Every structure is written in structure tokens, then in C-alpha cells.
Amino acid sequence: MNARPLLCLAALALLAGPALAQPKADPDWPCVQRKVPSLSAGTLWTGPDIEAAGPWGDDFDAAALAQRLASRRTELAEVDGLLDAYVAKLQDAKDTEKSKHMTRVFAGVFEVINAERDRVMSGIGRYARGQRVMAERIRDEADKISQTKDAPSAEDARELPKEQSELETKFAWDRRIFQERSQSLTYVCEVPQLLEQRLGEIARKIQARL
């Protein structure tokens, strides 16, 4: 059987794989998860006005707590204890001041997690563009291999020409890298959604203590 159709089909399968199943609206978004370009604090926060609370970065204790809560190294199971300890420090503060401090904590968590989410989403876009370029290169390599095998000078040869052998090695290597990156992308695509869920859960816990 002619090798060219098989190689071309393999290359096309890579191009049409799930890692490059992009919505028409944004060719640089390869994930099956719906793309939400940006988050709004208002969709998560029903507490006091964030701007009226003042800059969260100017409140040392609130900023330190916000950074710790936003970090994925901090398990969600630890959040309640950290918030309770912070609220205990505010027991002598007026209710209005307590609300401002807690609001600043949320503002800090939102800004930190949202910035991390933006970085991840930008990385996914760059990743998708790189995969698309690699898939095109793999298809070109498949075409070159097929042309070499179809050439009359190669039909009666006992051994594969050196050029063809090198092409096949490169094709196999690139295809392997592409497939491994595609599998990794599946997990990376979950990160923005996980960050959104983390942010929503922390917002709920903070508001419960207002």
C-alpha cells in the first residue's frame, strides 16, 4: 500500500486532534472549557463596596492574609482557620472598620488570583499557537517522506536513503512531542476554572464572616 496516504492521514489526525479543537471565535483558545476572558469582582462579591474600603495593599495584615489565601499552596481546608484568626484580631474594631478590613482581604485575593489566571490563559494561547505550528511542520514532514518513498530512485533501493531515514526519525520525534504536549494541555486547560472556583469559595467564606 502507498505510504503517502497513511502518513498524510496521521498528520491530519494530529491537526484535527482535541488539543487543536478551537472555537471559531478564538483560534488561540484550544480548550473544551468555555473561555471567560476576564473575571468581575461583582459576580463573586456581594459585600461592602471594594473601592470604598481603600487600597488593600496599604493594609499590611489584610495584604499578607490575601496573599496567603490566594496561593494554591494554601489548601482550601486551611482558609477557615486563617480567616477566623484574622477576625479574632479585629474583635475590638468597629463593625464598619472590620468590614473594610475583610473587604480588603477579598480585594487582594481577587487581584492576585485574577492576575495568575490571566497569566495562565496567556500561556495557553501561546501553547496553542506553538502546537499549531508544530502540527503544520509534522504534516510537511509527512509529505516529504511520502514523496521520497514514491520517488522512482527509491523503489528498488535495498536500504532507505539517508535523507528519508532522517526525515522519518524527525517525523516520529515531532509527533511524539506533539502528542505529549497535547496531553499536558488537557490538564493546563483546567487551571483557569480551578482558579475561578477557588476564588469563589474564598469569597463565600469571607462574606460569611462579615
N, C-alpha and C. Protein backbone atom coordinates (compact mmCIF):
# COMPACT_ATOMS: atom_id res chain seq x y z
N MET A 1 0.84 -1.20 0.00
CA MET A 1 0.00 0.00 0.00
C MET A 1 0.88 1.25 0.00
N ASN A 2 0.51 2.26 -0.77
CA ASN A 2 1.26 3.50 -0.83
C ASN A 2 1.33 4.13 0.54
N ALA A 3 2.54 4.54 0.93
CA ALA A 3 2.72 5.08 2.29
C ALA A 3 2.22 6.50 2.42
N ARG A 4 2.11 7.19 1.28
CA ARG A 4 1.76 8.61 1.38
C ARG A 4 0.40 8.85 2.03
N PRO A 5 -0.68 8.14 1.63
CA PRO A 5 -1.97 8.39 2.28
C PRO A 5 -1.93 8.15 3.77
N LEU A 6 -1.19 7.10 4.21
CA LEU A 6 -1.14 6.79 5.63
C LEU A 6 -0.45 7.90 6.42
N LEU A 7 0.67 8.40 5.88
CA LEU A 7 1.38 9.46 6.56
C LEU A 7 0.57 10.75 6.60
N CYS A 8 -0.07 11.05 5.50
CA CYS A 8 -0.89 12.26 5.45
C CYS A 8 -2.06 12.17 6.42
N LEU A 9 -2.67 10.97 6.50
CA LEU A 9 -3.77 10.79 7.44
C LEU A 9 -3.29 10.96 8.88
N ALA A 10 -2.10 10.46 9.17
CA ALA A 10 -1.55 10.61 10.52
C ALA A 10 -1.32 12.07 10.86
N ALA A 11 -0.79 12.81 9.89
CA ALA A 11 -0.55 14.23 10.13
C ALA A 11 -1.85 15.00 10.29
N LEU A 12 -2.84 14.68 9.46
CA LEU A 12 -4.13 15.35 9.55
C LEU A 12 -4.82 15.03 10.87
N ALA A 13 -4.63 13.80 11.36
CA ALA A 13 -5.23 13.42 12.64
C ALA A 13 -4.66 14.29 13.77
N LEU A 14 -3.37 14.60 13.65
CA LEU A 14 -2.78 15.47 14.66
C LEU A 14 -3.35 16.87 14.58
N LEU A 15 -3.51 17.36 13.35
CA LEU A 15 -4.04 18.71 13.17
C LEU A 15 -5.48 18.82 13.66
N ALA A 16 -6.23 17.71 13.56
CA ALA A 16 -7.64 17.73 13.94
C ALA A 16 -7.86 17.22 15.35
N GLY A 17 -6.77 16.96 16.08
CA GLY A 17 -6.89 16.38 17.42
C GLY A 17 -7.55 17.32 18.40
N PRO A 18 -7.95 16.79 19.57
CA PRO A 18 -8.66 17.59 20.56
C PRO A 18 -7.87 18.78 21.06
N ALA A 19 -6.54 18.69 21.03
CA ALA A 19 -5.74 19.80 21.52
C ALA A 19 -5.86 21.02 20.64
N LEU A 20 -6.31 20.84 19.38
CA LEU A 20 -6.45 21.98 18.48
C LEU A 20 -7.90 22.17 18.06
N ALA A 21 -8.82 21.63 18.87
CA ALA A 21 -10.25 21.80 18.55
C ALA A 21 -10.68 23.17 19.06
N GLN A 22 -10.43 24.21 18.25
CA GLN A 22 -10.60 25.57 18.71
C GLN A 22 -11.97 26.12 18.36
N PRO A 23 -12.57 26.87 19.25
CA PRO A 23 -13.78 27.59 18.91
C PRO A 23 -13.46 28.61 17.81
N LYS A 24 -14.40 28.81 16.87
CA LYS A 24 -14.15 29.73 15.77
C LYS A 24 -13.89 31.14 16.27
N ALA A 25 -14.49 31.51 17.39
CA ALA A 25 -14.36 32.87 17.90
C ALA A 25 -12.93 33.21 18.29
N ASP A 26 -12.17 32.24 18.73
CA ASP A 26 -10.80 32.49 19.17
C ASP A 26 -9.93 31.29 18.82
N PRO A 27 -9.19 31.34 17.72
CA PRO A 27 -8.36 30.21 17.31
C PRO A 27 -7.22 29.92 18.28
N ASP A 28 -6.93 30.86 19.19
CA ASP A 28 -5.86 30.64 20.16
C ASP A 28 -6.37 30.06 21.47
N TRP A 29 -7.64 29.67 21.50
CA TRP A 29 -8.18 29.02 22.70
C TRP A 29 -8.51 27.57 22.36
N PRO A 30 -7.65 26.63 22.74
CA PRO A 30 -7.79 25.24 22.33
C PRO A 30 -8.57 24.36 23.31
N CYS A 31 -9.02 24.94 24.40
CA CYS A 31 -9.63 24.13 25.46
C CYS A 31 -11.11 23.86 25.20
N VAL A 32 -11.58 22.73 25.72
CA VAL A 32 -13.00 22.41 25.61
C VAL A 32 -13.81 23.27 26.58
N GLN A 33 -13.14 23.75 27.64
CA GLN A 33 -13.82 24.63 28.59
C GLN A 33 -14.11 25.98 27.91
N ARG A 34 -15.27 26.52 28.21
CA ARG A 34 -15.63 27.82 27.64
C ARG A 34 -14.66 28.90 28.12
N LYS A 35 -14.24 29.75 27.19
CA LYS A 35 -13.30 30.81 27.55
C LYS A 35 -14.05 31.99 28.16
N VAL A 36 -13.64 32.34 29.37
CA VAL A 36 -14.15 33.54 30.03
C VAL A 36 -12.96 34.50 30.10
N PRO A 37 -12.90 35.49 29.21
CA PRO A 37 -11.71 36.34 29.09
C PRO A 37 -11.30 37.03 30.38
N SER A 38 -12.26 37.51 31.14
CA SER A 38 -11.91 38.22 32.37
C SER A 38 -12.98 37.99 33.43
N LEU A 39 -12.57 38.12 34.68
CA LEU A 39 -13.48 37.94 35.80
C LEU A 39 -13.90 39.30 36.35
N SER A 40 -15.08 39.35 36.90
CA SER A 40 -15.58 40.58 37.53
C SER A 40 -15.78 40.32 39.01
N ALA A 41 -15.23 41.19 39.82
CA ALA A 41 -15.37 41.03 41.27
C ALA A 41 -16.84 41.05 41.67
N GLY A 42 -17.65 41.80 40.93
CA GLY A 42 -19.06 41.93 41.28
C GLY A 42 -19.85 40.64 41.16
N THR A 43 -19.36 39.70 40.35
CA THR A 43 -20.06 38.43 40.20
C THR A 43 -19.79 37.50 41.38
N LEU A 44 -18.78 37.84 42.19
CA LEU A 44 -18.40 36.99 43.32
C LEU A 44 -18.63 37.64 44.67
N TRP A 45 -18.69 38.98 44.66
CA TRP A 45 -18.71 39.72 45.92
C TRP A 45 -20.00 40.50 46.06
N THR A 46 -20.72 40.25 47.15
CA THR A 46 -21.95 40.99 47.43
C THR A 46 -21.81 41.80 48.71
N GLY A 47 -20.57 41.90 49.18
CA GLY A 47 -20.31 42.63 50.42
C GLY A 47 -20.15 44.12 50.19
N PRO A 48 -19.48 44.83 51.12
CA PRO A 48 -19.29 46.27 51.02
C PRO A 48 -18.54 46.66 49.75
N ASP A 49 -18.68 47.92 49.37
CA ASP A 49 -18.02 48.44 48.18
C ASP A 49 -16.51 48.29 48.30
N ILE A 50 -15.90 47.72 47.29
CA ILE A 50 -14.46 47.44 47.34
C ILE A 50 -13.64 48.72 47.30
N GLU A 51 -14.01 49.65 46.43
CA GLU A 51 -13.25 50.89 46.31
C GLU A 51 -13.35 51.73 47.58
N ALA A 52 -14.51 51.71 48.21
CA ALA A 52 -14.70 52.49 49.43
C ALA A 52 -13.85 51.96 50.59
N ALA A 53 -13.46 50.70 50.51
CA ALA A 53 -12.66 50.10 51.58
C ALA A 53 -11.21 50.58 51.54
N GLY A 54 -10.79 51.14 50.41
CA GLY A 54 -9.41 51.63 50.29
C GLY A 54 -8.49 50.57 49.72
N PRO A 55 -7.28 50.97 49.32
CA PRO A 55 -6.31 50.05 48.70
C PRO A 55 -5.93 48.90 49.64
N TRP A 56 -6.09 47.70 49.15
CA TRP A 56 -5.79 46.56 50.00
C TRP A 56 -4.29 46.44 50.29
N GLY A 57 -3.49 46.92 49.36
CA GLY A 57 -2.04 46.83 49.55
C GLY A 57 -1.52 47.72 50.66
N ASP A 58 -2.31 48.71 51.06
CA ASP A 58 -1.89 49.61 52.14
C ASP A 58 -2.21 49.05 53.52
N ASP A 59 -2.98 47.98 53.56
CA ASP A 59 -3.36 47.33 54.82
C ASP A 59 -2.46 46.10 54.98
N PHE A 60 -1.41 46.24 55.77
CA PHE A 60 -0.38 45.19 55.85
C PHE A 60 -0.95 43.82 56.20
N ASP A 61 -1.76 43.76 57.25
CA ASP A 61 -2.30 42.47 57.69
C ASP A 61 -3.26 41.88 56.66
N ALA A 62 -4.10 42.73 56.09
CA ALA A 62 -5.05 42.25 55.07
C ALA A 62 -4.31 41.76 53.84
N ALA A 63 -3.26 42.49 53.45
CA ALA A 63 -2.49 42.11 52.26
C ALA A 63 -1.76 40.78 52.48
N ALA A 64 -1.19 40.62 53.67
CA ALA A 64 -0.47 39.38 53.98
C ALA A 64 -1.42 38.18 53.94
N LEU A 65 -2.62 38.36 54.51
CA LEU A 65 -3.60 37.28 54.52
C LEU A 65 -4.09 37.00 53.10
N ALA A 66 -4.34 38.06 52.34
CA ALA A 66 -4.82 37.88 50.96
C ALA A 66 -3.81 37.08 50.13
N GLN A 67 -2.55 37.41 50.27
CA GLN A 67 -1.51 36.68 49.53
C GLN A 67 -1.49 35.21 49.91
N ARG A 68 -1.65 34.96 51.20
CA ARG A 68 -1.61 33.56 51.67
C ARG A 68 -2.84 32.79 51.20
N LEU A 69 -4.01 33.42 51.27
CA LEU A 69 -5.24 32.75 50.84
C LEU A 69 -5.23 32.49 49.34
N ALA A 70 -4.67 33.43 48.58
CA ALA A 70 -4.66 33.30 47.12
C ALA A 70 -3.71 32.22 46.64
N SER A 71 -2.68 31.95 47.41
CA SER A 71 -1.68 30.96 47.00
C SER A 71 -2.28 29.56 46.95
N ARG A 72 -2.01 28.87 45.85
CA ARG A 72 -2.52 27.49 45.73
C ARG A 72 -1.80 26.53 46.67
N ARG A 73 -0.72 27.01 47.27
CA ARG A 73 -0.04 26.18 48.28
C ARG A 73 -0.86 26.09 49.56
N THR A 74 -1.76 27.04 49.72
CA THR A 74 -2.65 27.01 50.89
C THR A 74 -3.89 26.20 50.55
N GLU A 75 -4.09 25.11 51.24
CA GLU A 75 -5.24 24.26 50.99
C GLU A 75 -6.52 25.00 51.38
N LEU A 76 -7.59 24.74 50.65
CA LEU A 76 -8.87 25.38 50.97
C LEU A 76 -9.34 25.03 52.38
N ALA A 77 -8.93 23.86 52.85
CA ALA A 77 -9.31 23.44 54.20
C ALA A 77 -8.68 24.34 55.27
N GLU A 78 -7.61 25.06 54.92
CA GLU A 78 -6.94 25.94 55.87
C GLU A 78 -7.56 27.33 55.92
N VAL A 79 -8.36 27.65 54.92
CA VAL A 79 -8.88 29.02 54.79
C VAL A 79 -9.72 29.44 55.99
N ASP A 80 -10.62 28.57 56.43
CA ASP A 80 -11.49 28.92 57.57
C ASP A 80 -10.68 29.30 58.79
N GLY A 81 -9.68 28.52 59.12
CA GLY A 81 -8.86 28.80 60.29
C GLY A 81 -8.11 30.11 60.17
N LEU A 82 -7.58 30.40 58.99
CA LEU A 82 -6.85 31.64 58.76
C LEU A 82 -7.78 32.85 58.88
N LEU A 83 -8.98 32.72 58.34
CA LEU A 83 -9.94 33.82 58.42
C LEU A 83 -10.42 34.03 59.86
N ASP A 84 -10.66 32.93 60.57
CA ASP A 84 -11.11 33.06 61.96
C ASP A 84 -10.05 33.74 62.82
N ALA A 85 -8.79 33.41 62.57
CA ALA A 85 -7.71 34.03 63.34
C ALA A 85 -7.63 35.52 63.03
N TYR A 86 -7.86 35.87 61.78
CA TYR A 86 -7.82 37.29 61.38
C TYR A 86 -8.99 38.05 62.00
N VAL A 87 -10.18 37.43 61.97
CA VAL A 87 -11.36 38.07 62.56
C VAL A 87 -11.16 38.27 64.06
N ALA A 88 -10.50 37.34 64.72
CA ALA A 88 -10.25 37.46 66.16
C ALA A 88 -9.41 38.69 66.47
N LYS A 89 -8.49 39.02 65.56
CA LYS A 89 -7.65 40.21 65.75
C LYS A 89 -8.47 41.50 65.64
N LEU A 90 -9.62 41.39 64.94
CA LEU A 90 -10.45 42.58 64.70
C LEU A 90 -11.60 42.70 65.70
N GLN A 91 -11.57 41.90 66.75
CA GLN A 91 -12.73 41.85 67.66
C GLN A 91 -13.01 43.19 68.35
N ASP A 92 -11.98 44.00 68.53
CA ASP A 92 -12.18 45.29 69.19
C ASP A 92 -12.48 46.42 68.19
N ALA A 93 -12.44 46.09 66.90
CA ALA A 93 -12.69 47.12 65.88
C ALA A 93 -14.19 47.33 65.69
N LYS A 94 -14.55 48.53 65.26
CA LYS A 94 -15.95 48.79 64.96
C LYS A 94 -16.38 47.95 63.76
N ASP A 95 -17.67 47.71 63.67
CA ASP A 95 -18.18 46.87 62.58
C ASP A 95 -17.80 47.43 61.21
N THR A 96 -17.86 48.74 61.09
CA THR A 96 -17.52 49.35 59.79
C THR A 96 -16.05 49.12 59.44
N GLU A 97 -15.19 49.22 60.45
CA GLU A 97 -13.76 49.00 60.21
C GLU A 97 -13.48 47.54 59.91
N LYS A 98 -14.16 46.67 60.64
CA LYS A 98 -14.00 45.23 60.40
C LYS A 98 -14.39 44.90 58.96
N SER A 99 -15.50 45.47 58.51
CA SER A 99 -15.97 45.21 57.14
C SER A 99 -14.96 45.69 56.12
N LYS A 100 -14.34 46.84 56.40
CA LYS A 100 -13.33 47.36 55.47
C LYS A 100 -12.13 46.44 55.38
N HIS A 101 -11.68 45.97 56.53
CA HIS A 101 -10.53 45.07 56.55
C HIS A 101 -10.84 43.78 55.77
N MET A 102 -12.01 43.21 56.02
CA MET A 102 -12.38 41.96 55.35
C MET A 102 -12.55 42.18 53.84
N THR A 103 -13.09 43.35 53.50
CA THR A 103 -13.26 43.67 52.08
C THR A 103 -11.91 43.80 51.39
N ARG A 104 -10.95 44.37 52.09
CA ARG A 104 -9.60 44.49 51.53
C ARG A 104 -8.97 43.12 51.33
N VAL A 105 -9.27 42.21 52.25
CA VAL A 105 -8.75 40.84 52.08
C VAL A 105 -9.28 40.25 50.78
N PHE A 106 -10.59 40.39 50.57
CA PHE A 106 -11.16 39.87 49.32
C PHE A 106 -10.56 40.56 48.11
N ALA A 107 -10.43 41.89 48.17
CA ALA A 107 -9.87 42.63 47.04
C ALA A 107 -8.48 42.12 46.69
N GLY A 108 -7.68 41.83 47.71
CA GLY A 108 -6.34 41.31 47.47
C GLY A 108 -6.37 39.93 46.87
N VAL A 109 -7.21 39.06 47.42
CA VAL A 109 -7.33 37.69 46.88
C VAL A 109 -7.78 37.74 45.42
N PHE A 110 -8.76 38.58 45.15
CA PHE A 110 -9.26 38.69 43.78
C PHE A 110 -8.17 39.14 42.83
N GLU A 111 -7.44 40.16 43.21
CA GLU A 111 -6.41 40.70 42.31
C GLU A 111 -5.30 39.68 42.06
N VAL A 112 -4.86 39.01 43.11
CA VAL A 112 -3.76 38.04 42.98
C VAL A 112 -4.19 36.85 42.13
N ILE A 113 -5.35 36.27 42.44
CA ILE A 113 -5.80 35.10 41.69
C ILE A 113 -6.15 35.47 40.25
N ASN A 114 -6.77 36.62 40.07
CA ASN A 114 -7.12 37.05 38.72
C ASN A 114 -5.87 37.26 37.86
N ALA A 115 -4.81 37.82 38.46
CA ALA A 115 -3.56 38.02 37.73
C ALA A 115 -2.94 36.68 37.35
N GLU A 116 -2.99 35.72 38.28
CA GLU A 116 -2.46 34.39 37.98
C GLU A 116 -3.26 33.74 36.85
N ARG A 117 -4.58 33.90 36.90
CA ARG A 117 -5.45 33.34 35.86
C ARG A 117 -5.14 33.96 34.50
N ASP A 118 -4.90 35.26 34.47
CA ASP A 118 -4.55 35.93 33.21
C ASP A 118 -3.26 35.37 32.63
N ARG A 119 -2.28 35.12 33.50
CA ARG A 119 -1.00 34.58 33.04
C ARG A 119 -1.19 33.17 32.46
N VAL A 120 -2.01 32.37 33.14
CA VAL A 120 -2.25 31.01 32.66
C VAL A 120 -2.94 31.03 31.30
N MET A 121 -3.94 31.90 31.15
CA MET A 121 -4.68 31.96 29.90
C MET A 121 -3.81 32.47 28.75
N SER A 122 -2.92 33.41 29.04
CA SER A 122 -1.99 33.87 28.02
C SER A 122 -1.05 32.75 27.62
N GLY A 123 -0.62 31.97 28.61
CA GLY A 123 0.25 30.83 28.33
C GLY A 123 -0.44 29.78 27.47
N ILE A 124 -1.71 29.55 27.74
CA ILE A 124 -2.47 28.59 26.94
C ILE A 124 -2.54 29.05 25.48
N GLY A 125 -2.73 30.36 25.27
CA GLY A 125 -2.77 30.90 23.92
C GLY A 125 -1.45 30.69 23.20
N ARG A 126 -0.34 30.97 23.89
CA ARG A 126 0.98 30.75 23.27
C ARG A 126 1.20 29.26 23.00
N TYR A 127 0.75 28.42 23.90
CA TYR A 127 0.89 26.98 23.76
C TYR A 127 0.14 26.50 22.52
N ALA A 128 -1.08 27.00 22.35
CA ALA A 128 -1.90 26.60 21.22
C ALA A 128 -1.28 27.02 19.90
N ARG A 129 -0.72 28.24 19.86
CA ARG A 129 -0.07 28.69 18.63
C ARG A 129 1.14 27.83 18.31
N GLY A 130 1.90 27.47 19.34
CA GLY A 130 3.06 26.59 19.13
C GLY A 130 2.64 25.22 18.62
N GLN A 131 1.56 24.68 19.16
CA GLN A 131 1.06 23.38 18.71
C GLN A 131 0.61 23.44 17.25
N ARG A 132 -0.01 24.55 16.88
CA ARG A 132 -0.48 24.68 15.51
C ARG A 132 0.70 24.72 14.53
N VAL A 133 1.75 25.43 14.90
CA VAL A 133 2.94 25.49 14.07
C VAL A 133 3.58 24.11 13.96
N MET A 134 3.65 23.40 15.09
CA MET A 134 4.25 22.07 15.07
C MET A 134 3.43 21.10 14.24
N ALA A 135 2.10 21.19 14.33
CA ALA A 135 1.25 20.30 13.54
C ALA A 135 1.45 20.53 12.05
N GLU A 136 1.60 21.78 11.65
CA GLU A 136 1.86 22.08 10.24
C GLU A 136 3.22 21.50 9.82
N ARG A 137 4.20 21.60 10.71
CA ARG A 137 5.52 21.06 10.39
C ARG A 137 5.46 19.54 10.24
N ILE A 138 4.70 18.89 11.10
CA ILE A 138 4.56 17.44 11.01
C ILE A 138 3.91 17.04 9.70
N ARG A 139 2.91 17.80 9.28
CA ARG A 139 2.26 17.49 8.01
C ARG A 139 3.23 17.66 6.84
N ASP A 140 4.07 18.70 6.90
CA ASP A 140 5.08 18.90 5.85
C ASP A 140 6.08 17.75 5.84
N GLU A 141 6.47 17.29 7.04
CA GLU A 141 7.41 16.17 7.12
C GLU A 141 6.80 14.91 6.54
N ALA A 142 5.51 14.68 6.81
CA ALA A 142 4.83 13.51 6.26
C ALA A 142 4.80 13.58 4.74
N ASP A 143 4.56 14.76 4.19
CA ASP A 143 4.55 14.92 2.74
C ASP A 143 5.92 14.62 2.14
N LYS A 144 6.98 15.12 2.79
CA LYS A 144 8.33 14.90 2.28
C LYS A 144 8.70 13.42 2.31
N ILE A 145 8.31 12.74 3.40
CA ILE A 145 8.59 11.30 3.49
C ILE A 145 7.86 10.54 2.39
N SER A 146 6.62 10.90 2.17
CA SER A 146 5.83 10.24 1.14
C SER A 146 6.43 10.46 -0.24
N GLN A 147 6.88 11.67 -0.50
CA GLN A 147 7.48 11.99 -1.80
C GLN A 147 8.76 11.19 -2.01
N THR A 148 9.54 11.03 -0.93
CA THR A 148 10.79 10.26 -1.02
C THR A 148 10.49 8.80 -1.32
N LYS A 149 9.48 8.25 -0.66
CA LYS A 149 9.14 6.84 -0.87
C LYS A 149 8.54 6.60 -2.25
N ASP A 150 7.86 7.61 -2.78
CA ASP A 150 7.24 7.47 -4.09
C ASP A 150 8.21 7.70 -5.23
N ALA A 151 9.40 8.26 -4.91
CA ALA A 151 10.36 8.57 -5.97
C ALA A 151 10.86 7.28 -6.63
N PRO A 152 10.97 7.24 -7.97
CA PRO A 152 11.43 6.03 -8.68
C PRO A 152 12.80 5.56 -8.21
N SER A 153 13.67 6.49 -7.84
CA SER A 153 15.03 6.12 -7.43
C SER A 153 15.04 5.34 -6.12
N ALA A 154 13.95 5.42 -5.37
CA ALA A 154 13.91 4.75 -4.06
C ALA A 154 13.18 3.42 -4.12
N GLU A 155 12.49 3.15 -5.22
CA GLU A 155 11.66 1.94 -5.28
C GLU A 155 12.48 0.66 -5.22
N ASP A 156 13.64 0.66 -5.89
CA ASP A 156 14.44 -0.57 -5.95
C ASP A 156 15.59 -0.58 -4.95
N ALA A 157 15.65 0.44 -4.13
CA ALA A 157 16.75 0.50 -3.17
C ALA A 157 16.56 -0.52 -2.07
N ARG A 158 17.65 -1.17 -1.65
CA ARG A 158 17.56 -2.16 -0.58
C ARG A 158 17.47 -1.50 0.79
N GLU A 159 18.06 -0.34 0.91
CA GLU A 159 18.02 0.39 2.17
C GLU A 159 17.43 1.76 1.94
N LEU A 160 16.78 2.28 2.97
CA LEU A 160 16.20 3.61 2.86
C LEU A 160 17.30 4.64 2.66
N PRO A 161 17.09 5.60 1.80
CA PRO A 161 18.08 6.66 1.65
C PRO A 161 18.29 7.37 2.98
N LYS A 162 19.48 7.90 3.19
CA LYS A 162 19.80 8.58 4.44
C LYS A 162 18.83 9.72 4.71
N GLU A 163 18.50 10.47 3.67
CA GLU A 163 17.59 11.61 3.83
C GLU A 163 16.23 11.16 4.34
N GLN A 164 15.74 10.04 3.77
CA GLN A 164 14.43 9.54 4.19
C GLN A 164 14.45 9.05 5.62
N SER A 165 15.52 8.37 5.99
CA SER A 165 15.65 7.87 7.35
C SER A 165 15.65 9.01 8.36
N GLU A 166 16.36 10.08 8.04
CA GLU A 166 16.41 11.24 8.92
C GLU A 166 15.04 11.91 9.03
N LEU A 167 14.34 11.99 7.88
CA LEU A 167 13.01 12.58 7.88
C LEU A 167 12.05 11.79 8.76
N GLU A 168 12.12 10.45 8.65
CA GLU A 168 11.22 9.61 9.43
C GLU A 168 11.52 9.71 10.92
N THR A 169 12.80 9.82 11.26
CA THR A 169 13.17 9.97 12.66
C THR A 169 12.64 11.29 13.21
N LYS A 170 12.80 12.35 12.44
CA LYS A 170 12.32 13.66 12.87
C LYS A 170 10.80 13.68 12.96
N PHE A 171 10.14 13.03 11.99
CA PHE A 171 8.67 12.97 11.99
C PHE A 171 8.17 12.25 13.25
N ALA A 172 8.78 11.10 13.57
CA ALA A 172 8.37 10.32 14.74
C ALA A 172 8.61 11.11 16.03
N TRP A 173 9.73 11.82 16.09
CA TRP A 173 10.07 12.59 17.29
C TRP A 173 9.11 13.77 17.47
N ASP A 174 8.87 14.49 16.39
CA ASP A 174 7.96 15.64 16.47
C ASP A 174 6.55 15.20 16.82
N ARG A 175 6.12 14.09 16.25
CA ARG A 175 4.78 13.59 16.55
C ARG A 175 4.65 13.21 18.02
N ARG A 176 5.69 12.60 18.56
CA ARG A 176 5.67 12.21 19.97
C ARG A 176 5.59 13.45 20.87
N ILE A 177 6.41 14.46 20.56
CA ILE A 177 6.39 15.70 21.34
C ILE A 177 5.01 16.35 21.26
N PHE A 178 4.45 16.39 20.04
CA PHE A 178 3.14 17.00 19.85
C PHE A 178 2.08 16.30 20.70
N GLN A 179 2.08 14.98 20.69
CA GLN A 179 1.08 14.23 21.44
C GLN A 179 1.25 14.41 22.94
N GLU A 180 2.51 14.46 23.42
CA GLU A 180 2.75 14.67 24.85
C GLU A 180 2.30 16.07 25.28
N ARG A 181 2.56 17.06 24.43
CA ARG A 181 2.13 18.42 24.73
C ARG A 181 0.60 18.52 24.71
N SER A 182 -0.03 17.77 23.81
CA SER A 182 -1.49 17.78 23.75
C SER A 182 -2.10 17.23 25.03
N GLN A 183 -1.48 16.16 25.56
CA GLN A 183 -1.97 15.58 26.81
C GLN A 183 -1.77 16.56 27.97
N SER A 184 -0.63 17.25 27.98
CA SER A 184 -0.38 18.23 29.04
C SER A 184 -1.37 19.37 28.96
N LEU A 185 -1.71 19.77 27.75
CA LEU A 185 -2.64 20.88 27.56
C LEU A 185 -4.01 20.58 28.16
N THR A 186 -4.40 19.32 28.12
CA THR A 186 -5.68 18.93 28.69
C THR A 186 -5.76 19.31 30.17
N TYR A 187 -4.66 19.11 30.89
CA TYR A 187 -4.63 19.44 32.31
C TYR A 187 -4.50 20.96 32.53
N VAL A 188 -3.68 21.60 31.71
CA VAL A 188 -3.49 23.05 31.84
C VAL A 188 -4.80 23.79 31.62
N CYS A 189 -5.63 23.28 30.72
CA CYS A 189 -6.90 23.93 30.41
C CYS A 189 -7.84 23.97 31.61
N GLU A 190 -7.61 23.10 32.57
CA GLU A 190 -8.47 23.07 33.76
C GLU A 190 -8.10 24.15 34.78
N VAL A 191 -6.88 24.69 34.67
CA VAL A 191 -6.39 25.61 35.69
C VAL A 191 -7.23 26.88 35.83
N PRO A 192 -7.59 27.58 34.72
CA PRO A 192 -8.40 28.79 34.91
C PRO A 192 -9.70 28.53 35.67
N GLN A 193 -10.34 27.42 35.34
CA GLN A 193 -11.60 27.09 36.01
C GLN A 193 -11.37 26.77 37.49
N LEU A 194 -10.28 26.08 37.78
CA LEU A 194 -9.96 25.77 39.17
C LEU A 194 -9.67 27.04 39.97
N LEU A 195 -9.01 28.00 39.33
CA LEU A 195 -8.73 29.27 39.99
C LEU A 195 -10.03 30.04 40.25
N GLU A 196 -10.94 30.00 39.29
CA GLU A 196 -12.24 30.66 39.47
C GLU A 196 -12.99 30.03 40.64
N GLN A 197 -12.96 28.71 40.71
CA GLN A 197 -13.65 28.02 41.80
C GLN A 197 -13.02 28.36 43.15
N ARG A 198 -11.70 28.43 43.18
CA ARG A 198 -11.00 28.78 44.42
C ARG A 198 -11.39 30.19 44.86
N LEU A 199 -11.39 31.12 43.92
CA LEU A 199 -11.74 32.49 44.22
C LEU A 199 -13.17 32.60 44.75
N GLY A 200 -14.09 31.88 44.11
CA GLY A 200 -15.48 31.91 44.55
C GLY A 200 -15.66 31.34 45.93
N GLU A 201 -14.95 30.28 46.24
CA GLU A 201 -15.06 29.65 47.56
C GLU A 201 -14.50 30.57 48.66
N ILE A 202 -13.37 31.20 48.37
CA ILE A 202 -12.78 32.10 49.36
C ILE A 202 -13.68 33.31 49.58
N ALA A 203 -14.26 33.83 48.48
CA ALA A 203 -15.18 34.98 48.60
C ALA A 203 -16.36 34.62 49.49
N ARG A 204 -16.87 33.42 49.30
CA ARG A 204 -18.03 32.98 50.11
C ARG A 204 -17.64 32.90 51.59
N LYS A 205 -16.46 32.40 51.88
CA LYS A 205 -16.01 32.25 53.26
C LYS A 205 -15.78 33.62 53.93
N ILE A 206 -15.25 34.56 53.16
CA ILE A 206 -15.03 35.91 53.72
C ILE A 206 -16.36 36.58 54.02
N GLN A 207 -17.29 36.50 53.07
CA GLN A 207 -18.60 37.16 53.24
C GLN A 207 -19.37 36.55 54.41
N ALA A 208 -19.14 35.28 54.67
CA ALA A 208 -19.85 34.63 55.79
C ALA A 208 -19.41 35.18 57.12
N ARG A 209 -18.27 35.90 57.14
CA ARG A 209 -17.74 36.41 58.41
C ARG A 209 -17.92 37.93 58.55
N LEU A 210 -18.63 38.53 57.63
CA LEU A 210 -18.90 39.97 57.74
C LEU A 210 -19.98 40.26 58.79
